[in-house]
Amino acid sequence: MTNLAIAANGLRKSYGDKTVLDGIDLAVPEGTVFALLGPNGAGKTTAVKILSTLISPDPASGDIRVGGHDLATKAQAVRAAIGVTGQFSAVDGLITGEENMLLMADLHHLPKSEGRRVTAELLERFDLTDAAKKPASTYSGGMKRRLDIAMTLVGNPRIIFLDEPTTGLDPRARHNMWGIIRELVTDGVTVFLTTQYLDEADELADRIAVLNDGKIAAEGSAEELKRLIPGGHIRLRFTDPDAYQNAALALNEAHRDDEALALQIPSAGSQRELRTILDRLDTAGIDADELTVHTPDLDDVFFALTTANVPAQPNQPKENVR
């Protein structure tokens, strides 16, 4: 059975009469990327802060273990096993990148020689060697984020919490960060990721949980979540009005868009369904000018699961469904 890097049962957190986390369960296998999605204020950062020992869960919470250690009784052991990169950079802009790294080495009580060795290795790994002697205030956003993660790795953590690590980065810097995350997982590190970018979760995560109104609305792989949401279709567009009318007769279940001369047929996007539609058009001697296949993506999942009247997810414990 796969060992769990993070296991939380009935995680709860309230501030006064406001419930932020309402008994969520989390199970994150070692050496994987787990993404927690949700709208602003859903409780993503609160979950990270609890799991990284920055704040305490409510007493009514169940057992919580991180890195095999009980969060309630072995908080120091949890801290020794994890690294945290928060939403806001922990980089000190008044000192150089190298000095930021050496400061982290001192905080981890590494011997001077060991701290310098680790610093040099990580600066090289994150392509920061040339900028190491420059003040961190002169770094670009992407460089600061790379330095932030390099600082997190000084203590060689096996579990890393990345709270919206690519917010504000340009597309190239985001893709560079994705490469860094993949390398970490290849090295056996577990990554707990929160993000506002759904394509990021789709690209990186082995499993995704959607947090809404303090509960897990759904959890699974990206493909499993996409299958929860209806709305896949094949769209055919025509330039010849006669061809459009004939196609509408041949595909009488299609939704018509007379203005665009387009037909939309419900479909799960399978090869068999596509072939059937094309065969029916061929039999009728009709050629479409444009064909597109739309299958639900994580945007569709996110919007469906973070609004009212969310359909229950099959095979989920009742308390985790909204």
Protein backbone atom coordinates (compact mmCIF):
# COMPACT_ATOMS: atom_id res chain seq x y z
CA MET A 1 0.00 0.00 0.00
CA THR A 2 1.35 3.43 -0.92
CA ASN A 3 2.67 5.40 2.04
CA LEU A 4 0.93 8.70 2.69
CA ALA A 5 2.97 11.87 3.02
CA ILE A 6 -0.10 13.71 4.31
CA ALA A 7 -3.18 12.20 5.95
CA ALA A 8 -5.84 14.41 7.47
CA ASN A 9 -9.20 13.26 8.78
CA GLY A 10 -11.99 15.69 9.55
CA LEU A 11 -9.80 18.81 9.33
CA ARG A 12 -11.70 21.76 10.76
CA LYS A 13 -10.99 25.45 11.26
CA SER A 14 -13.30 28.27 12.27
CA TYR A 15 -12.79 31.91 13.13
CA GLY A 16 -15.61 32.95 15.40
CA ASP A 17 -18.85 31.97 13.69
CA LYS A 18 -17.19 31.66 10.27
CA THR A 19 -16.33 28.08 9.30
CA VAL A 20 -13.36 27.99 6.92
CA LEU A 21 -12.71 24.23 6.82
CA ASP A 22 -15.63 21.97 7.61
CA GLY A 23 -14.23 18.52 8.25
CA ILE A 24 -12.19 17.83 5.12
CA ASP A 25 -10.25 14.62 4.52
CA LEU A 26 -6.92 14.60 2.66
CA ALA A 27 -4.73 11.68 1.61
CA VAL A 28 -1.56 12.52 -0.35
CA PRO A 29 0.74 9.63 -1.38
CA GLU A 30 4.48 10.13 -1.17
CA GLY A 31 6.25 11.33 -4.30
CA THR A 32 3.17 12.86 -5.94
CA VAL A 33 1.74 16.30 -6.68
CA PHE A 34 -1.55 17.04 -4.95
CA ALA A 35 -3.37 20.20 -6.05
CA LEU A 36 -5.97 21.97 -3.93
CA LEU A 37 -8.23 24.20 -6.01
CA GLY A 38 -10.94 26.59 -4.94
CA PRO A 39 -12.18 30.16 -5.27
CA ASN A 40 -10.68 32.97 -3.23
CA GLY A 41 -11.57 32.53 0.41
CA ALA A 42 -12.30 28.81 0.05
CA GLY A 43 -9.72 27.88 2.71
CA LYS A 44 -6.77 26.71 0.60
CA THR A 45 -4.16 28.81 2.41
CA THR A 46 -5.72 27.95 5.77
CA ALA A 47 -5.26 24.25 4.99
CA VAL A 48 -1.61 24.85 4.08
CA LYS A 49 -1.00 26.85 7.25
CA ILE A 50 -2.47 24.08 9.42
CA LEU A 51 -0.59 21.25 7.71
CA SER A 52 2.66 23.20 7.94
CA THR A 53 2.12 23.91 11.68
CA LEU A 54 1.75 27.68 11.24
CA ILE A 55 -1.71 27.67 12.83
CA SER A 56 -3.62 25.07 14.85
CA PRO A 57 -6.70 23.18 13.67
CA ASP A 58 -9.88 23.27 15.70
CA PRO A 59 -9.97 20.76 18.57
CA ALA A 60 -12.84 18.91 16.87
CA SER A 61 -10.53 17.89 14.01
CA GLY A 62 -9.57 14.25 13.60
CA ASP A 63 -6.08 12.78 13.30
CA ILE A 64 -3.63 14.71 11.11
CA ARG A 65 -0.28 13.24 10.11
CA VAL A 66 2.39 14.88 7.97
CA GLY A 67 5.52 12.96 7.03
CA GLY A 68 4.34 10.15 9.27
CA HIS A 69 4.28 12.45 12.33
CA ASP A 70 1.25 13.37 14.40
CA LEU A 71 0.64 17.09 13.92
CA ALA A 72 -0.74 17.51 17.44
CA THR A 73 2.12 15.86 19.34
CA LYS A 74 5.11 15.93 16.96
CA ALA A 75 4.93 19.41 15.43
CA GLN A 76 8.71 19.85 15.54
CA ALA A 77 9.24 16.59 13.64
CA VAL A 78 6.70 17.77 11.05
CA ARG A 79 8.62 21.05 10.63
CA ALA A 80 11.84 19.13 10.09
CA ALA A 81 10.23 17.12 7.28
CA ILE A 82 8.62 19.94 5.33
CA GLY A 83 9.37 23.09 3.38
CA VAL A 84 6.93 25.92 2.70
CA THR A 85 6.83 28.49 -0.09
CA GLY A 86 4.00 30.87 0.65
CA GLN A 87 2.00 33.20 -1.56
CA PHE A 88 4.37 36.05 -0.76
CA SER A 89 8.09 35.78 -1.26
CA ALA A 90 10.26 35.21 1.81
CA VAL A 91 13.28 36.60 -0.05
CA ASP A 92 15.07 39.52 1.64
CA GLY A 93 15.67 42.04 -1.13
CA LEU A 94 18.32 43.94 0.84
CA ILE A 95 20.85 41.10 0.69
CA THR A 96 22.15 38.98 -2.17
CA GLY A 97 20.69 35.72 -3.36
CA GLU A 98 23.66 33.87 -1.92
CA GLU A 99 23.27 35.60 1.44
CA ASN A 100 19.58 34.63 1.52
CA MET A 101 20.59 31.01 0.99
CA LEU A 102 23.33 31.12 3.64
CA LEU A 103 20.88 32.65 6.10
CA MET A 104 18.55 29.69 5.56
CA ALA A 105 21.47 27.31 6.06
CA ASP A 106 22.21 28.99 9.40
CA LEU A 107 18.56 28.70 10.42
CA HIS A 108 18.79 24.97 9.69
CA HIS A 109 21.93 24.80 11.87
CA LEU A 110 24.09 23.49 9.05
CA PRO A 111 27.86 23.70 9.59
CA LYS A 112 29.42 26.61 7.67
CA SER A 113 31.13 24.40 5.12
CA GLU A 114 27.97 22.33 4.58
CA GLY A 115 25.86 25.47 4.25
CA ARG A 116 28.16 26.88 1.57
CA ARG A 117 28.17 23.59 -0.33
CA VAL A 118 24.37 23.29 -0.27
CA THR A 119 24.01 26.95 -1.24
CA ALA A 120 26.32 26.59 -4.23
CA GLU A 121 24.57 23.41 -5.41
CA LEU A 122 21.08 24.90 -5.17
CA LEU A 123 22.03 28.20 -6.81
CA GLU A 124 23.44 26.20 -9.72
CA ARG A 125 20.42 23.90 -9.87
CA PHE A 126 18.04 26.86 -10.08
CA ASP A 127 20.20 28.76 -12.58
CA LEU A 128 20.98 31.56 -10.14
CA THR A 129 24.77 31.30 -9.93
CA ASP A 130 25.42 34.35 -12.13
CA ALA A 131 23.05 36.46 -10.02
CA ALA A 132 24.16 35.07 -6.66
CA LYS A 133 26.19 38.15 -5.67
CA LYS A 134 23.50 40.63 -6.70
CA PRO A 135 20.88 42.07 -4.31
CA ALA A 136 17.69 40.02 -4.50
CA SER A 137 15.76 43.26 -5.04
CA THR A 138 17.20 43.34 -8.56
CA TYR A 139 15.80 39.89 -9.43
CA SER A 140 12.85 39.39 -11.75
CA GLY A 141 9.67 37.81 -10.39
CA GLY A 142 10.63 34.43 -11.79
CA MET A 143 14.13 34.62 -10.30
CA LYS A 144 12.74 35.55 -6.89
CA ARG A 145 10.36 32.58 -7.03
CA ARG A 146 13.22 30.25 -7.97
CA LEU A 147 15.29 31.63 -5.11
CA ASP A 148 12.29 31.20 -2.79
CA ILE A 149 12.04 27.51 -3.63
CA ALA A 150 15.81 27.06 -3.47
CA MET A 151 15.71 28.49 0.06
CA THR A 152 12.91 26.05 0.91
CA LEU A 153 15.11 23.13 -0.21
CA VAL A 154 18.09 24.00 2.00
CA GLY A 155 16.80 21.68 4.72
CA ASN A 156 16.24 18.82 2.21
CA PRO A 157 12.49 18.49 2.96
CA ARG A 158 10.59 15.48 1.64
CA ILE A 159 7.27 17.37 1.59
CA ILE A 160 6.91 20.85 0.10
CA PHE A 161 3.89 23.12 0.34
CA LEU A 162 3.66 25.53 -2.58
CA ASP A 163 0.92 28.09 -2.00
CA GLU A 164 0.12 29.67 -5.38
CA PRO A 165 3.80 29.60 -6.43
CA THR A 166 3.34 31.05 -9.93
CA THR A 167 0.95 33.92 -9.19
CA GLY A 168 2.15 37.03 -11.02
CA LEU A 169 4.70 35.22 -13.17
CA ASP A 170 4.77 35.55 -16.94
CA PRO A 171 4.05 32.43 -19.04
CA ARG A 172 7.74 31.58 -19.57
CA ALA A 173 8.52 31.87 -15.85
CA ARG A 174 5.45 29.75 -15.05
CA HIS A 175 6.61 26.99 -17.40
CA ASN A 176 10.08 27.13 -15.86
CA MET A 177 8.51 26.71 -12.43
CA TRP A 178 6.54 23.71 -13.69
CA GLY A 179 9.81 22.11 -14.75
CA ILE A 180 11.25 22.67 -11.29
CA ILE A 181 8.21 21.05 -9.65
CA ARG A 182 8.47 18.02 -11.94
CA GLU A 183 12.15 17.63 -11.04
CA LEU A 184 11.32 17.73 -7.34
CA VAL A 185 8.78 14.93 -7.74
CA THR A 186 11.24 12.90 -9.81
CA ASP A 187 13.58 13.14 -6.81
CA GLY A 188 10.85 11.65 -4.60
CA VAL A 189 9.59 14.88 -3.05
CA THR A 190 5.86 15.24 -2.34
CA VAL A 191 4.35 18.55 -3.47
CA PHE A 192 1.15 19.98 -1.99
CA LEU A 193 0.13 22.72 -4.41
CA THR A 194 -2.52 25.39 -4.23
CA THR A 195 -3.13 27.36 -7.39
CA GLN A 196 -5.57 29.68 -9.13
CA TYR A 197 -4.39 28.41 -12.52
CA LEU A 198 -6.46 25.41 -13.58
CA ASP A 199 -4.10 24.55 -16.44
CA GLU A 200 -1.33 24.34 -13.84
CA ALA A 201 -3.20 21.71 -11.84
CA ASP A 202 -4.09 19.86 -15.05
CA GLU A 203 -0.44 19.88 -16.12
CA LEU A 204 1.19 18.91 -12.81
CA ALA A 205 -1.14 17.19 -10.38
CA ASP A 206 -1.58 13.46 -9.89
CA ARG A 207 -4.70 14.18 -7.87
CA ILE A 208 -6.83 17.29 -7.50
CA ALA A 209 -9.31 18.27 -4.80
CA VAL A 210 -11.79 21.10 -5.33
CA LEU A 211 -12.50 22.99 -2.13
CA ASN A 212 -15.75 24.91 -1.87
CA ASP A 213 -17.59 26.37 1.09
CA GLY A 214 -15.25 24.60 3.51
CA LYS A 215 -15.78 21.12 2.04
CA ILE A 216 -14.19 18.97 -0.63
CA ALA A 217 -16.68 19.16 -3.49
CA ALA A 218 -14.85 16.52 -5.55
CA GLU A 219 -11.49 14.77 -5.72
CA GLY A 220 -9.70 12.66 -8.31
CA SER A 221 -7.33 12.82 -11.22
CA ALA A 222 -7.87 15.58 -13.77
CA GLU A 223 -9.48 13.10 -16.16
CA GLU A 224 -11.77 11.70 -13.46
CA LEU A 225 -12.96 15.17 -12.54
CA LYS A 226 -13.60 16.11 -16.15
CA ARG A 227 -15.84 13.06 -16.56
CA LEU A 228 -18.07 14.36 -13.76
CA ILE A 229 -19.19 17.31 -15.83
CA PRO A 230 -21.57 17.04 -18.81
CA GLY A 231 -21.33 19.37 -21.78
CA GLY A 232 -19.01 17.66 -24.25
CA HIS A 233 -20.01 18.19 -27.84
CA ILE A 234 -18.97 18.10 -31.48
CA ARG A 235 -19.50 21.31 -33.42
CA LEU A 236 -19.90 21.38 -37.19
CA ARG A 237 -19.82 24.64 -39.12
CA PHE A 238 -20.88 25.17 -42.74
CA THR A 239 -20.46 27.96 -45.28
CA ASP A 240 -23.14 26.62 -47.65
CA PRO A 241 -26.68 27.18 -46.27
CA ASP A 242 -28.02 24.18 -48.22
CA ALA A 243 -25.34 21.89 -46.79
CA TYR A 244 -26.19 23.22 -43.34
CA GLN A 245 -29.91 22.51 -43.77
CA ASN A 246 -29.23 18.99 -45.11
CA ALA A 247 -26.86 18.27 -42.24
CA ALA A 248 -29.48 19.44 -39.74
CA LEU A 249 -31.92 16.93 -41.24
CA ALA A 250 -29.34 14.12 -41.20
CA LEU A 251 -28.34 14.93 -37.60
CA ASN A 252 -31.76 15.72 -36.20
CA GLU A 253 -30.55 15.53 -32.57
CA ALA A 254 -28.14 18.45 -33.14
CA HIS A 255 -28.66 21.89 -31.65
CA ARG A 256 -28.94 24.46 -34.44
CA ASP A 257 -27.28 27.85 -34.68
CA ASP A 258 -28.86 29.24 -37.83
CA GLU A 259 -26.95 32.51 -37.66
CA ALA A 260 -23.54 30.82 -37.54
CA LEU A 261 -24.62 27.90 -39.78
CA ALA A 262 -23.36 25.57 -37.05
CA LEU A 263 -24.61 22.37 -35.47
CA GLN A 264 -23.72 21.16 -31.97
CA ILE A 265 -24.11 17.45 -31.14
CA PRO A 266 -23.77 16.18 -27.54
CA SER A 267 -20.78 13.87 -27.32
CA ALA A 268 -18.24 12.50 -24.87
CA GLY A 269 -15.60 13.03 -27.54
CA SER A 270 -14.90 9.37 -28.24
CA GLN A 271 -13.51 8.17 -31.55
CA ARG A 272 -16.56 5.95 -32.09
CA GLU A 273 -19.01 8.85 -31.69
CA LEU A 274 -17.01 11.04 -34.05
CA ARG A 275 -16.83 8.28 -36.65
CA THR A 276 -20.59 7.71 -36.43
CA ILE A 277 -21.34 11.37 -37.08
CA LEU A 278 -18.92 11.55 -40.01
CA ASP A 279 -20.38 8.34 -41.48
CA ARG A 280 -23.88 9.84 -41.34
CA LEU A 281 -22.66 12.96 -43.14
CA ASP A 282 -20.84 10.87 -45.76
CA THR A 283 -23.95 8.78 -46.37
CA ALA A 284 -25.91 11.98 -46.97
CA GLY A 285 -23.15 13.37 -49.19
CA ILE A 286 -22.50 16.36 -46.93
CA ASP A 287 -19.16 17.98 -46.18
CA ALA A 288 -18.69 20.19 -43.13
CA ASP A 289 -16.28 23.09 -43.51
CA GLU A 290 -15.13 22.99 -39.92
CA LEU A 291 -15.28 20.38 -37.15
CA THR A 292 -14.27 20.89 -33.52
CA VAL A 293 -14.54 18.56 -30.54
CA HIS A 294 -15.09 20.06 -27.10
CA THR A 295 -14.68 17.99 -23.95
CA PRO A 296 -15.10 19.47 -20.46
CA ASP A 297 -11.88 20.89 -19.04
CA LEU A 298 -10.91 21.86 -15.50
CA ASP A 299 -12.44 25.30 -16.05
CA ASP A 300 -15.81 23.59 -16.56
CA VAL A 301 -15.22 21.42 -13.48
CA PHE A 302 -14.23 24.40 -11.37
CA PHE A 303 -17.25 26.49 -12.35
CA ALA A 304 -19.65 23.58 -11.88
CA LEU A 305 -18.33 22.56 -8.48
CA THR A 306 -17.91 26.00 -6.96
CA THR A 307 -21.46 27.17 -7.53
CA ALA A 308 -24.73 26.26 -5.84
CA ASN A 309 -26.61 23.09 -6.74
CA VAL A 310 -23.48 21.01 -7.26
CA PRO A 311 -24.21 17.39 -8.22
CA ALA A 312 -22.94 14.84 -5.73
CA GLN A 313 -19.80 13.01 -6.75
CA PRO A 314 -20.21 9.25 -7.08
CA ASN A 315 -18.40 7.06 -4.56
CA GLN A 316 -17.49 9.95 -2.26
CA PRO A 317 -18.21 9.88 1.49
CA LYS A 318 -21.34 11.88 2.15
CA GLU A 319 -19.62 14.45 4.35
CA ASN A 320 -17.18 15.29 1.54
CA VAL A 321 -19.83 16.05 -1.06
CA ARG A 322 -21.45 19.38 -1.69
